[in-house]
Amino acid sequence: MKTLLHSGIVVLDKPKGPTSHEVVAWAKGILGLNKAGHSGTLDPSVTGILPVALEDGTKVIKNLLDTGKEYVCLMRLHDDVEKERLLEVLSLFEGKIYQRPPVKSAVKRQVRKREIYSIELLDLIDRFVLVRVDCESGTYIRKLVYDIGMVLGCGANMAELRRTRVGSFSEKDMVTLQELKDSFYYYDIEGEPSKLAGHLYPIERAVGHLRKVYLKDSAIDAVCHGANVAIPGVAKVDKGIRKKEKIALLSLKGELVAIGTSLLDSRGFESKAKGFVVDTQKVVMKEDTYPRYWKSSS
């Protein structure tokens, strides 16, 4: 439990009203922690999944930002539209699209390319349209709705929005702030950790979407001190790794050691006899967790 509280992830069900920053601050206060950070800001009016990294878990929170996300959106059309026409237009927005972030956004307002993996029509009642959108990180759903309305010719606006997935985290992983507070009470006051344990996830879940390189025990502490990974320190690798791809470095026990960039593809790992194969970028595991098998140059 101590490990989870100081390097884990809690997936909050953000309510409508407060900012994402406020929700994180409340969670940090409930758990009595010094540091916490969220992945992907939700507007005050938006609800749903808000993954929050605790203490040392904040080292990997940025790796959640570039994962795919899923939303359920309620659109309000400004005029009546036939279902067939609506389905036709929705299909036009699947694939690569171009977006300019809205005026009130945290990024520079320049045209960006984003991918819509799928748009599913869930329901249509009068001028209200319920859709599920599976998309690339950084997609602005409010702008997507506006553009759909423009193509339909009648105009549309976003009435409600809920985020239902971030990377490998889905709605079944969520907990409300009240549930979190209750479970922490049972842990802290009653000495019963099972409820709280069910709401906290190991940091490894945050990199579930990344391909993996597994390190030999003898190489781990060197990586924890910032060293790049050489081929003798590699135990095994996932298939399908591409050159310059972001990857997770794990121990043979499945513990997250660091995040890095692969210098080779998967076949290159098999054929290379010596030299560096991964550029270590963000170390997660604490130094001296594993024995030191290397000597300092000093």
C-alpha atoms as a PDB file:
ATOM      1  CA  MET A   1       0.000   0.000   0.000  1.00  0.00           C
ATOM      2  CA  LYS A   2       2.864   2.385   0.815  1.00  0.00           C
ATOM      3  CA  THR A   3       4.339   1.764  -2.625  1.00  0.00           C
ATOM      4  CA  LEU A   4       1.026   2.432  -4.362  1.00  0.00           C
ATOM      5  CA  LEU A   5       0.482   5.666  -2.438  1.00  0.00           C
ATOM      6  CA  HIS A   6       3.912   6.976  -3.343  1.00  0.00           C
ATOM      7  CA  SER A   7       4.276   5.822  -6.942  1.00  0.00           C
ATOM      8  CA  GLY A   8       0.844   4.704  -8.107  1.00  0.00           C
ATOM      9  CA  ILE A   9      -2.079   5.955 -10.171  1.00  0.00           C
ATOM     10  CA  VAL A  10      -5.638   6.720  -9.104  1.00  0.00           C
ATOM     11  CA  VAL A  11      -8.235   7.130 -11.865  1.00  0.00           C
ATOM     12  CA  LEU A  12     -10.748   9.739 -10.763  1.00  0.00           C
ATOM     13  CA  ASP A  13     -14.236  10.283 -12.095  1.00  0.00           C
ATOM     14  CA  LYS A  14     -14.056  14.049 -12.495  1.00  0.00           C
ATOM     15  CA  PRO A  15     -17.372  15.711 -11.660  1.00  0.00           C
ATOM     16  CA  LYS A  16     -18.875  18.621 -13.563  1.00  0.00           C
ATOM     17  CA  GLY A  17     -17.958  22.032 -12.154  1.00  0.00           C
ATOM     18  CA  PRO A  18     -14.431  22.078 -10.707  1.00  0.00           C
ATOM     19  CA  THR A  19     -11.255  22.375 -12.750  1.00  0.00           C
ATOM     20  CA  SER A  20      -8.947  19.403 -13.185  1.00  0.00           C
ATOM     21  CA  HIS A  21      -6.389  21.181 -10.991  1.00  0.00           C
ATOM     22  CA  GLU A  22      -8.920  21.515  -8.172  1.00  0.00           C
ATOM     23  CA  VAL A  23      -9.857  17.847  -8.372  1.00  0.00           C
ATOM     24  CA  VAL A  24      -6.204  16.808  -8.159  1.00  0.00           C
ATOM     25  CA  ALA A  25      -5.672  19.108  -5.169  1.00  0.00           C
ATOM     26  CA  TRP A  26      -8.631  17.522  -3.371  1.00  0.00           C
ATOM     27  CA  ALA A  27      -7.341  14.004  -4.079  1.00  0.00           C
ATOM     28  CA  LYS A  28      -3.889  14.963  -2.822  1.00  0.00           C
ATOM     29  CA  GLY A  29      -5.441  16.310   0.379  1.00  0.00           C
ATOM     30  CA  ILE A  30      -7.584  13.206   0.892  1.00  0.00           C
ATOM     31  CA  LEU A  31      -4.545  10.918   0.609  1.00  0.00           C
ATOM     32  CA  GLY A  32      -2.244  13.209   2.597  1.00  0.00           C
ATOM     33  CA  LEU A  33       0.352  13.444  -0.166  1.00  0.00           C
ATOM     34  CA  ASN A  34       2.824  16.162  -1.098  1.00  0.00           C
ATOM     35  CA  LYS A  35       2.681  15.777  -4.871  1.00  0.00           C
ATOM     36  CA  ALA A  36       0.220  14.610  -7.506  1.00  0.00           C
ATOM     37  CA  GLY A  37      -0.349  15.340 -11.185  1.00  0.00           C
ATOM     38  CA  HIS A  38      -3.035  14.623 -13.753  1.00  0.00           C
ATOM     39  CA  SER A  39      -2.956  13.439 -17.336  1.00  0.00           C
ATOM     40  CA  GLY A  40      -4.894  15.518 -19.850  1.00  0.00           C
ATOM     41  CA  THR A  41      -6.880  18.506 -18.627  1.00  0.00           C
ATOM     42  CA  LEU A  42     -10.667  18.338 -18.707  1.00  0.00           C
ATOM     43  CA  ASP A  43     -12.673  21.561 -18.891  1.00  0.00           C
ATOM     44  CA  PRO A  44     -14.822  22.325 -15.811  1.00  0.00           C
ATOM     45  CA  SER A  45     -18.000  21.335 -17.690  1.00  0.00           C
ATOM     46  CA  VAL A  46     -16.551  17.983 -18.828  1.00  0.00           C
ATOM     47  CA  THR A  47     -16.755  14.800 -16.724  1.00  0.00           C
ATOM     48  CA  GLY A  48     -15.049  11.442 -16.774  1.00  0.00           C
ATOM     49  CA  ILE A  49     -11.666   9.794 -16.545  1.00  0.00           C
ATOM     50  CA  LEU A  50      -8.865  11.836 -14.997  1.00  0.00           C
ATOM     51  CA  PRO A  51      -5.798   9.690 -14.257  1.00  0.00           C
ATOM     52  CA  VAL A  52      -3.842  11.156 -11.344  1.00  0.00           C
ATOM     53  CA  ALA A  53      -0.261  10.099 -10.616  1.00  0.00           C
ATOM     54  CA  LEU A  54       0.801  10.086  -6.969  1.00  0.00           C
ATOM     55  CA  GLU A  55       4.168  11.321  -5.688  1.00  0.00           C
ATOM     56  CA  ASP A  56       6.933   9.589  -7.728  1.00  0.00           C
ATOM     57  CA  GLY A  57       4.311   8.440 -10.222  1.00  0.00           C
ATOM     58  CA  THR A  58       4.305  11.975 -11.620  1.00  0.00           C
ATOM     59  CA  LYS A  59       7.527  11.033 -13.445  1.00  0.00           C
ATOM     60  CA  VAL A  60       5.528   9.083 -16.019  1.00  0.00           C
ATOM     61  CA  ILE A  61       2.353  11.154 -16.189  1.00  0.00           C
ATOM     62  CA  LYS A  62       3.460  12.794 -19.458  1.00  0.00           C
ATOM     63  CA  ASN A  63       3.530   9.364 -21.073  1.00  0.00           C
ATOM     64  CA  LEU A  64      -0.227   9.166 -20.563  1.00  0.00           C
ATOM     65  CA  LEU A  65      -0.749  12.443 -22.396  1.00  0.00           C
ATOM     66  CA  ASP A  66       0.055  11.006 -25.830  1.00  0.00           C
ATOM     67  CA  THR A  67      -2.180   7.948 -25.554  1.00  0.00           C
ATOM     68  CA  GLY A  68      -5.452   7.485 -27.396  1.00  0.00           C
ATOM     69  CA  LYS A  69      -8.602   8.773 -25.722  1.00  0.00           C
ATOM     70  CA  GLU A  70     -12.303   8.005 -25.996  1.00  0.00           C
ATOM     71  CA  TYR A  71     -15.235  10.352 -25.411  1.00  0.00           C
ATOM     72  CA  VAL A  72     -19.008  10.142 -25.373  1.00  0.00           C
ATOM     73  CA  CYS A  73     -20.415  13.415 -26.654  1.00  0.00           C
ATOM     74  CA  LEU A  74     -23.915  14.858 -26.828  1.00  0.00           C
ATOM     75  CA  MET A  75     -24.233  17.156 -29.838  1.00  0.00           C
ATOM     76  CA  ARG A  76     -27.074  19.603 -30.386  1.00  0.00           C
ATOM     77  CA  LEU A  77     -27.881  20.208 -34.048  1.00  0.00           C
ATOM     78  CA  HIS A  78     -29.316  23.592 -35.012  1.00  0.00           C
ATOM     79  CA  ASP A  79     -31.769  22.095 -37.498  1.00  0.00           C
ATOM     80  CA  ASP A  80     -33.299  18.747 -38.388  1.00  0.00           C
ATOM     81  CA  VAL A  81     -31.007  16.295 -40.215  1.00  0.00           C
ATOM     82  CA  GLU A  82     -31.814  12.900 -41.732  1.00  0.00           C
ATOM     83  CA  LYS A  83     -30.016   9.991 -40.082  1.00  0.00           C
ATOM     84  CA  GLU A  84     -28.479   8.850 -43.366  1.00  0.00           C
ATOM     85  CA  ARG A  85     -27.007  12.293 -43.988  1.00  0.00           C
ATOM     86  CA  LEU A  86     -25.663  12.433 -40.439  1.00  0.00           C
ATOM     87  CA  LEU A  87     -23.969   9.044 -40.769  1.00  0.00           C
ATOM     88  CA  GLU A  88     -22.474  10.111 -44.098  1.00  0.00           C
ATOM     89  CA  VAL A  89     -20.935  13.261 -42.612  1.00  0.00           C
ATOM     90  CA  LEU A  90     -19.678  11.517 -39.472  1.00  0.00           C
ATOM     91  CA  SER A  91     -17.792   9.031 -41.646  1.00  0.00           C
ATOM     92  CA  LEU A  92     -16.038  11.913 -43.396  1.00  0.00           C
ATOM     93  CA  PHE A  93     -14.326  12.842 -40.125  1.00  0.00           C
ATOM     94  CA  GLU A  94     -12.811   9.407 -39.504  1.00  0.00           C
ATOM     95  CA  GLY A  95      -9.091   9.328 -40.262  1.00  0.00           C
ATOM     96  CA  LYS A  96      -6.677  12.262 -40.386  1.00  0.00           C
ATOM     97  CA  ILE A  97      -8.216  15.687 -39.804  1.00  0.00           C
ATOM     98  CA  TYR A  98      -6.890  19.215 -39.382  1.00  0.00           C
ATOM     99  CA  GLN A  99      -7.802  21.322 -36.351  1.00  0.00           C
ATOM    100  CA  ARG A 100      -6.992  24.759 -35.038  1.00  0.00           C
ATOM    101  CA  PRO A 101      -7.268  24.788 -31.201  1.00  0.00           C
ATOM    102  CA  PRO A 102     -10.001  27.063 -29.831  1.00  0.00           C
ATOM    103  CA  VAL A 103      -9.191  30.509 -28.424  1.00  0.00           C
ATOM    104  CA  LYS A 104      -9.419  29.262 -24.846  1.00  0.00           C
ATOM    105  CA  SER A 105      -6.822  26.503 -24.998  1.00  0.00           C
ATOM    106  CA  ALA A 106      -3.482  25.716 -23.352  1.00  0.00           C
ATOM    107  CA  VAL A 107      -1.600  25.343 -26.656  1.00  0.00           C
ATOM    108  CA  LYS A 108      -0.554  27.623 -29.485  1.00  0.00           C
ATOM    109  CA  ARG A 109      -3.385  28.301 -31.958  1.00  0.00           C
ATOM    110  CA  GLN A 110      -1.947  26.758 -35.081  1.00  0.00           C
ATOM    111  CA  VAL A 111      -3.395  24.137 -37.404  1.00  0.00           C
ATOM    112  CA  ARG A 112      -2.541  20.615 -36.250  1.00  0.00           C
ATOM    113  CA  LYS A 113      -3.136  17.177 -37.737  1.00  0.00           C
ATOM    114  CA  ARG A 114      -4.998  14.705 -35.513  1.00  0.00           C
ATOM    115  CA  GLU A 115      -6.486  11.274 -36.169  1.00  0.00           C
ATOM    116  CA  ILE A 116     -10.054  10.215 -35.454  1.00  0.00           C
ATOM    117  CA  TYR A 117      -9.941   6.434 -35.169  1.00  0.00           C
ATOM    118  CA  SER A 118     -13.720   6.046 -35.150  1.00  0.00           C
ATOM    119  CA  ILE A 119     -16.992   7.937 -34.622  1.00  0.00           C
ATOM    120  CA  GLU A 120     -19.946   5.774 -33.607  1.00  0.00           C
ATOM    121  CA  LEU A 121     -23.508   7.049 -33.610  1.00  0.00           C
ATOM    122  CA  LEU A 122     -25.107   5.843 -30.371  1.00  0.00           C
ATOM    123  CA  ASP A 123     -28.456   7.610 -30.546  1.00  0.00           C
ATOM    124  CA  LEU A 124     -30.405  10.301 -32.376  1.00  0.00           C
ATOM    125  CA  ILE A 125     -33.452  11.941 -30.810  1.00  0.00           C
ATOM    126  CA  ASP A 126     -34.838  15.040 -32.527  1.00  0.00           C
ATOM    127  CA  ARG A 127     -31.834  17.372 -32.820  1.00  0.00           C
ATOM    128  CA  PHE A 128     -29.742  15.658 -30.121  1.00  0.00           C
ATOM    129  CA  VAL A 129     -26.982  13.301 -31.305  1.00  0.00           C
ATOM    130  CA  LEU A 130     -25.049  10.975 -29.015  1.00  0.00           C
ATOM    131  CA  VAL A 131     -21.704   9.785 -30.418  1.00  0.00           C
ATOM    132  CA  ARG A 132     -18.672   7.887 -29.199  1.00  0.00           C
ATOM    133  CA  VAL A 133     -15.359   9.269 -30.463  1.00  0.00           C
ATOM    134  CA  ASP A 134     -12.102   7.306 -30.331  1.00  0.00           C
ATOM    135  CA  CYS A 135      -9.296   9.708 -31.167  1.00  0.00           C
ATOM    136  CA  GLU A 136      -5.677  10.727 -30.924  1.00  0.00           C
ATOM    137  CA  SER A 137      -4.557  12.702 -27.908  1.00  0.00           C
ATOM    138  CA  GLY A 138      -4.862  16.449 -28.385  1.00  0.00           C
ATOM    139  CA  THR A 139      -8.113  16.296 -30.366  1.00  0.00           C
ATOM    140  CA  TYR A 140     -10.575  19.034 -29.424  1.00  0.00           C
ATOM    141  CA  ILE A 141     -14.046  17.485 -29.385  1.00  0.00           C
ATOM    142  CA  ARG A 142     -15.805  20.843 -29.134  1.00  0.00           C
ATOM    143  CA  LYS A 143     -14.075  21.932 -32.355  1.00  0.00           C
ATOM    144  CA  LEU A 144     -14.859  18.579 -33.965  1.00  0.00           C
ATOM    145  CA  VAL A 145     -18.571  19.067 -33.220  1.00  0.00           C
ATOM    146  CA  TYR A 146     -18.450  22.584 -34.642  1.00  0.00           C
ATOM    147  CA  ASP A 147     -16.819  21.333 -37.861  1.00  0.00           C
ATOM    148  CA  ILE A 148     -19.372  18.516 -38.204  1.00  0.00           C
ATOM    149  CA  GLY A 149     -22.147  21.096 -37.937  1.00  0.00           C
ATOM    150  CA  MET A 150     -20.504  23.213 -40.612  1.00  0.00           C
ATOM    151  CA  VAL A 151     -20.357  20.287 -43.049  1.00  0.00           C
ATOM    152  CA  LEU A 152     -23.955  19.350 -42.272  1.00  0.00           C
ATOM    153  CA  GLY A 153     -24.873  22.932 -43.122  1.00  0.00           C
ATOM    154  CA  CYS A 154     -27.047  23.456 -40.065  1.00  0.00           C
ATOM    155  CA  GLY A 155     -24.476  24.123 -37.365  1.00  0.00           C
ATOM    156  CA  ALA A 156     -23.953  22.195 -34.117  1.00  0.00           C
ATOM    157  CA  ASN A 157     -22.630  22.710 -30.628  1.00  0.00           C
ATOM    158  CA  MET A 158     -21.426  20.421 -27.855  1.00  0.00           C
ATOM    159  CA  ALA A 159     -24.055  20.038 -25.133  1.00  0.00           C
ATOM    160  CA  GLU A 160     -22.237  17.553 -22.885  1.00  0.00           C
ATOM    161  CA  LEU A 161     -18.977  15.616 -22.938  1.00  0.00           C
ATOM    162  CA  ARG A 162     -17.623  12.702 -20.927  1.00  0.00           C
ATOM    163  CA  ARG A 163     -14.191  11.098 -21.285  1.00  0.00           C
ATOM    164  CA  THR A 164     -14.521   7.316 -21.057  1.00  0.00           C
ATOM    165  CA  ARG A 165     -10.992   6.084 -21.760  1.00  0.00           C
ATOM    166  CA  VAL A 166      -7.381   7.261 -21.479  1.00  0.00           C
ATOM    167  CA  GLY A 167      -4.846   4.746 -22.764  1.00  0.00           C
ATOM    168  CA  SER A 168      -5.470   1.462 -20.953  1.00  0.00           C
ATOM    169  CA  PHE A 169      -7.683   3.089 -18.292  1.00  0.00           C
ATOM    170  CA  SER A 170     -11.455   2.858 -18.776  1.00  0.00           C
ATOM    171  CA  GLU A 171     -14.571   3.730 -16.782  1.00  0.00           C
ATOM    172  CA  LYS A 172     -14.384   0.465 -14.829  1.00  0.00           C
ATOM    173  CA  ASP A 173     -11.137   1.741 -13.280  1.00  0.00           C
ATOM    174  CA  MET A 174     -12.640   5.011 -12.015  1.00  0.00           C
ATOM    175  CA  VAL A 175     -13.369   6.115  -8.454  1.00  0.00           C
ATOM    176  CA  THR A 176     -15.235   9.187  -7.228  1.00  0.00           C
ATOM    177  CA  LEU A 177     -13.686  11.591  -4.751  1.00  0.00           C
ATOM    178  CA  GLN A 178     -16.196  10.476  -2.108  1.00  0.00           C
ATOM    179  CA  GLU A 179     -15.342   6.804  -2.644  1.00  0.00           C
ATOM    180  CA  LEU A 180     -11.648   7.663  -2.427  1.00  0.00           C
ATOM    181  CA  LYS A 181     -12.169   9.522   0.835  1.00  0.00           C
ATOM    182  CA  ASP A 182     -14.205   6.666   2.334  1.00  0.00           C
ATOM    183  CA  SER A 183     -11.659   4.018   1.339  1.00  0.00           C
ATOM    184  CA  PHE A 184      -8.760   6.067   2.736  1.00  0.00           C
ATOM    185  CA  TYR A 185     -10.652   6.423   6.030  1.00  0.00           C
ATOM    186  CA  TYR A 186     -10.929   2.630   6.313  1.00  0.00           C
ATOM    187  CA  TYR A 187      -7.191   2.317   5.571  1.00  0.00           C
ATOM    188  CA  ASP A 188      -5.934   5.147   7.774  1.00  0.00           C
ATOM    189  CA  ILE A 189      -8.332   4.889  10.743  1.00  0.00           C
ATOM    190  CA  GLU A 190      -9.700   1.341  10.654  1.00  0.00           C
ATOM    191  CA  GLY A 191      -6.534  -0.321   9.370  1.00  0.00           C
ATOM    192  CA  GLU A 192      -8.401  -1.976   6.487  1.00  0.00           C
ATOM    193  CA  PRO A 193      -6.479  -1.476   3.213  1.00  0.00           C
ATOM    194  CA  SER A 194      -8.536  -3.609   0.798  1.00  0.00           C
ATOM    195  CA  LYS A 195     -10.949  -0.853  -0.303  1.00  0.00           C
ATOM    196  CA  LEU A 196      -8.166   1.634  -1.004  1.00  0.00           C
ATOM    197  CA  ALA A 197      -6.026  -1.007  -2.711  1.00  0.00           C
ATOM    198  CA  GLY A 198      -8.863  -1.559  -5.163  1.00  0.00           C
ATOM    199  CA  HIS A 199      -8.678   2.098  -6.242  1.00  0.00           C
ATOM    200  CA  LEU A 200      -4.904   2.389  -6.727  1.00  0.00           C
ATOM    201  CA  TYR A 201      -2.967   1.011  -9.697  1.00  0.00           C
ATOM    202  CA  PRO A 202       0.763   0.352 -10.045  1.00  0.00           C
ATOM    203  CA  ILE A 203       2.733   2.791 -12.136  1.00  0.00           C
ATOM    204  CA  GLU A 204       3.252   0.094 -14.779  1.00  0.00           C
ATOM    205  CA  ARG A 205      -0.383   0.531 -15.873  1.00  0.00           C
ATOM    206  CA  ALA A 206       0.488   4.020 -17.094  1.00  0.00           C
ATOM    207  CA  VAL A 207       2.799   2.608 -19.778  1.00  0.00           C
ATOM    208  CA  GLY A 208       0.625  -0.311 -20.825  1.00  0.00           C
ATOM    209  CA  HIS A 209       0.357   1.170 -24.322  1.00  0.00           C
ATOM    210  CA  LEU A 210       4.135   1.247 -24.872  1.00  0.00           C
ATOM    211  CA  ARG A 211       6.236  -1.594 -26.245  1.00  0.00           C
ATOM    212  CA  LYS A 212       8.726  -2.990 -23.761  1.00  0.00           C
ATOM    213  CA  VAL A 213      12.437  -3.755 -23.470  1.00  0.00           C
ATOM    214  CA  TYR A 214      13.294  -6.000 -20.498  1.00  0.00           C
ATOM    215  CA  LEU A 215      16.613  -5.444 -18.754  1.00  0.00           C
ATOM    216  CA  LYS A 216      18.938  -7.884 -17.050  1.00  0.00           C
ATOM    217  CA  ASP A 217      19.312  -7.298 -13.310  1.00  0.00           C
ATOM    218  CA  SER A 218      22.963  -6.365 -13.864  1.00  0.00           C
ATOM    219  CA  ALA A 219      22.010  -3.391 -16.090  1.00  0.00           C
ATOM    220  CA  ILE A 220      19.199  -1.861 -14.040  1.00  0.00           C
ATOM    221  CA  ASP A 221      21.133   0.266 -11.550  1.00  0.00           C
ATOM    222  CA  ALA A 222      23.256   1.800 -14.301  1.00  0.00           C
ATOM    223  CA  VAL A 223      20.055   2.835 -16.091  1.00  0.00           C
ATOM    224  CA  CYS A 224      18.720   4.231 -12.795  1.00  0.00           C
ATOM    225  CA  HIS A 225      21.806   6.467 -12.728  1.00  0.00           C
ATOM    226  CA  GLY A 226      20.982   7.730 -16.228  1.00  0.00           C
ATOM    227  CA  ALA A 227      23.009   5.381 -18.422  1.00  0.00           C
ATOM    228  CA  ASN A 228      21.816   4.436 -21.877  1.00  0.00           C
ATOM    229  CA  VAL A 229      21.054   0.766 -22.488  1.00  0.00           C
ATOM    230  CA  ALA A 230      23.726  -1.345 -24.188  1.00  0.00           C
ATOM    231  CA  ILE A 231      22.919  -4.639 -25.884  1.00  0.00           C
ATOM    232  CA  PRO A 232      24.572  -6.823 -23.183  1.00  0.00           C
ATOM    233  CA  GLY A 233      22.053  -5.444 -20.670  1.00  0.00           C
ATOM    234  CA  VAL A 234      18.985  -6.491 -22.681  1.00  0.00           C
ATOM    235  CA  ALA A 235      17.202  -9.699 -21.683  1.00  0.00           C
ATOM    236  CA  LYS A 236      14.325  -9.607 -24.188  1.00  0.00           C
ATOM    237  CA  VAL A 237      12.300  -7.176 -26.301  1.00  0.00           C
ATOM    238  CA  ASP A 238       8.741  -6.915 -27.576  1.00  0.00           C
ATOM    239  CA  LYS A 239       8.079  -7.553 -31.239  1.00  0.00           C
ATOM    240  CA  GLY A 240       7.215  -4.639 -33.506  1.00  0.00           C
ATOM    241  CA  ILE A 241       9.485  -1.999 -31.961  1.00  0.00           C
ATOM    242  CA  ARG A 242      10.361   0.743 -34.458  1.00  0.00           C
ATOM    243  CA  LYS A 243      13.467   2.896 -34.539  1.00  0.00           C
ATOM    244  CA  LYS A 244      13.002   6.169 -32.588  1.00  0.00           C
ATOM    245  CA  GLU A 245       9.879   4.776 -30.905  1.00  0.00           C
ATOM    246  CA  LYS A 246       9.201   5.615 -27.263  1.00  0.00           C
ATOM    247  CA  ILE A 247       9.486   2.442 -25.172  1.00  0.00           C
ATOM    248  CA  ALA A 248       9.244   1.321 -21.543  1.00  0.00           C
ATOM    249  CA  LEU A 249      12.261  -0.262 -19.854  1.00  0.00           C
ATOM    250  CA  LEU A 250      11.217  -2.991 -17.414  1.00  0.00           C
ATOM    251  CA  SER A 251      12.927  -5.421 -15.089  1.00  0.00           C
ATOM    252  CA  LEU A 252      12.375  -9.139 -15.584  1.00  0.00           C
ATOM    253  CA  LYS A 253       9.875  -8.901 -12.710  1.00  0.00           C
ATOM    254  CA  GLY A 254       7.844  -6.393 -14.724  1.00  0.00           C
ATOM    255  CA  GLU A 255       8.890  -3.345 -12.684  1.00  0.00           C
ATOM    256  CA  LEU A 256       9.092  -0.035 -14.558  1.00  0.00           C
ATOM    257  CA  VAL A 257      12.696   1.186 -14.611  1.00  0.00           C
ATOM    258  CA  ALA A 258      12.639   4.041 -17.112  1.00  0.00           C
ATOM    259  CA  ILE A 259      11.233   5.479 -20.336  1.00  0.00           C
ATOM    260  CA  GLY A 260      13.475   5.691 -23.361  1.00  0.00           C
ATOM    261  CA  THR A 261      13.732   5.899 -27.131  1.00  0.00           C
ATOM    262  CA  SER A 262      14.730   2.847 -29.117  1.00  0.00           C
ATOM    263  CA  LEU A 263      17.736   3.332 -31.368  1.00  0.00           C
ATOM    264  CA  LEU A 264      16.878   0.195 -33.364  1.00  0.00           C
ATOM    265  CA  ASP A 265      13.906  -1.796 -34.511  1.00  0.00           C
ATOM    266  CA  SER A 266      13.144  -5.213 -33.003  1.00  0.00           C
ATOM    267  CA  ARG A 267      15.240  -7.068 -35.577  1.00  0.00           C
ATOM    268  CA  GLY A 268      18.167  -4.778 -34.843  1.00  0.00           C
ATOM    269  CA  PHE A 269      18.170  -5.909 -31.219  1.00  0.00           C
ATOM    270  CA  GLU A 270      18.557  -9.505 -32.389  1.00  0.00           C
ATOM    271  CA  SER A 271      21.419  -8.825 -34.801  1.00  0.00           C
ATOM    272  CA  LYS A 272      23.444  -6.241 -32.845  1.00  0.00           C
ATOM    273  CA  ALA A 273      26.374  -7.668 -30.856  1.00  0.00           C
ATOM    274  CA  LYS A 274      27.479  -4.540 -28.972  1.00  0.00           C
ATOM    275  CA  GLY A 275      26.794  -0.836 -28.512  1.00  0.00           C
ATOM    276  CA  PHE A 276      23.869   1.238 -27.246  1.00  0.00           C
ATOM    277  CA  VAL A 277      20.337   0.313 -28.248  1.00  0.00           C
ATOM    278  CA  VAL A 278      18.106   2.572 -26.096  1.00  0.00           C
ATOM    279  CA  ASP A 279      18.449   6.251 -25.242  1.00  0.00           C
ATOM    280  CA  THR A 280      17.305   6.555 -21.604  1.00  0.00           C
ATOM    281  CA  GLN A 281      15.174   9.674 -21.133  1.00  0.00           C
ATOM    282  CA  LYS A 282      13.117   9.493 -17.927  1.00  0.00           C
ATOM    283  CA  VAL A 283      14.250   7.338 -15.001  1.00  0.00           C
ATOM    284  CA  VAL A 284      11.454   6.120 -12.725  1.00  0.00           C
ATOM    285  CA  MET A 285      13.005   3.520 -10.435  1.00  0.00           C
ATOM    286  CA  LYS A 286      15.081   4.783  -7.498  1.00  0.00           C
ATOM    287  CA  GLU A 287      18.838   4.296  -7.565  1.00  0.00           C
ATOM    288  CA  ASP A 288      20.241   1.290  -5.634  1.00  0.00           C
ATOM    289  CA  THR A 289      16.955  -0.632  -5.885  1.00  0.00           C
ATOM    290  CA  TYR A 290      19.043  -3.284  -7.633  1.00  0.00           C
ATOM    291  CA  PRO A 291      22.702  -4.097  -6.873  1.00  0.00           C
ATOM    292  CA  ARG A 292      25.366  -2.040  -8.588  1.00  0.00           C
ATOM    293  CA  TYR A 293      27.314  -3.998 -11.203  1.00  0.00           C
ATOM    294  CA  TRP A 294      29.055  -0.999 -12.740  1.00  0.00           C
ATOM    295  CA  LYS A 295      31.963   1.219 -11.776  1.00  0.00           C
ATOM    296  CA  SER A 296      31.939   5.017 -11.774  1.00  0.00           C
ATOM    297  CA  SER A 297      34.326   6.644 -14.225  1.00  0.00           C
ATOM    298  CA  SER A 298      35.450   8.961 -11.427  1.00  0.00           C
END
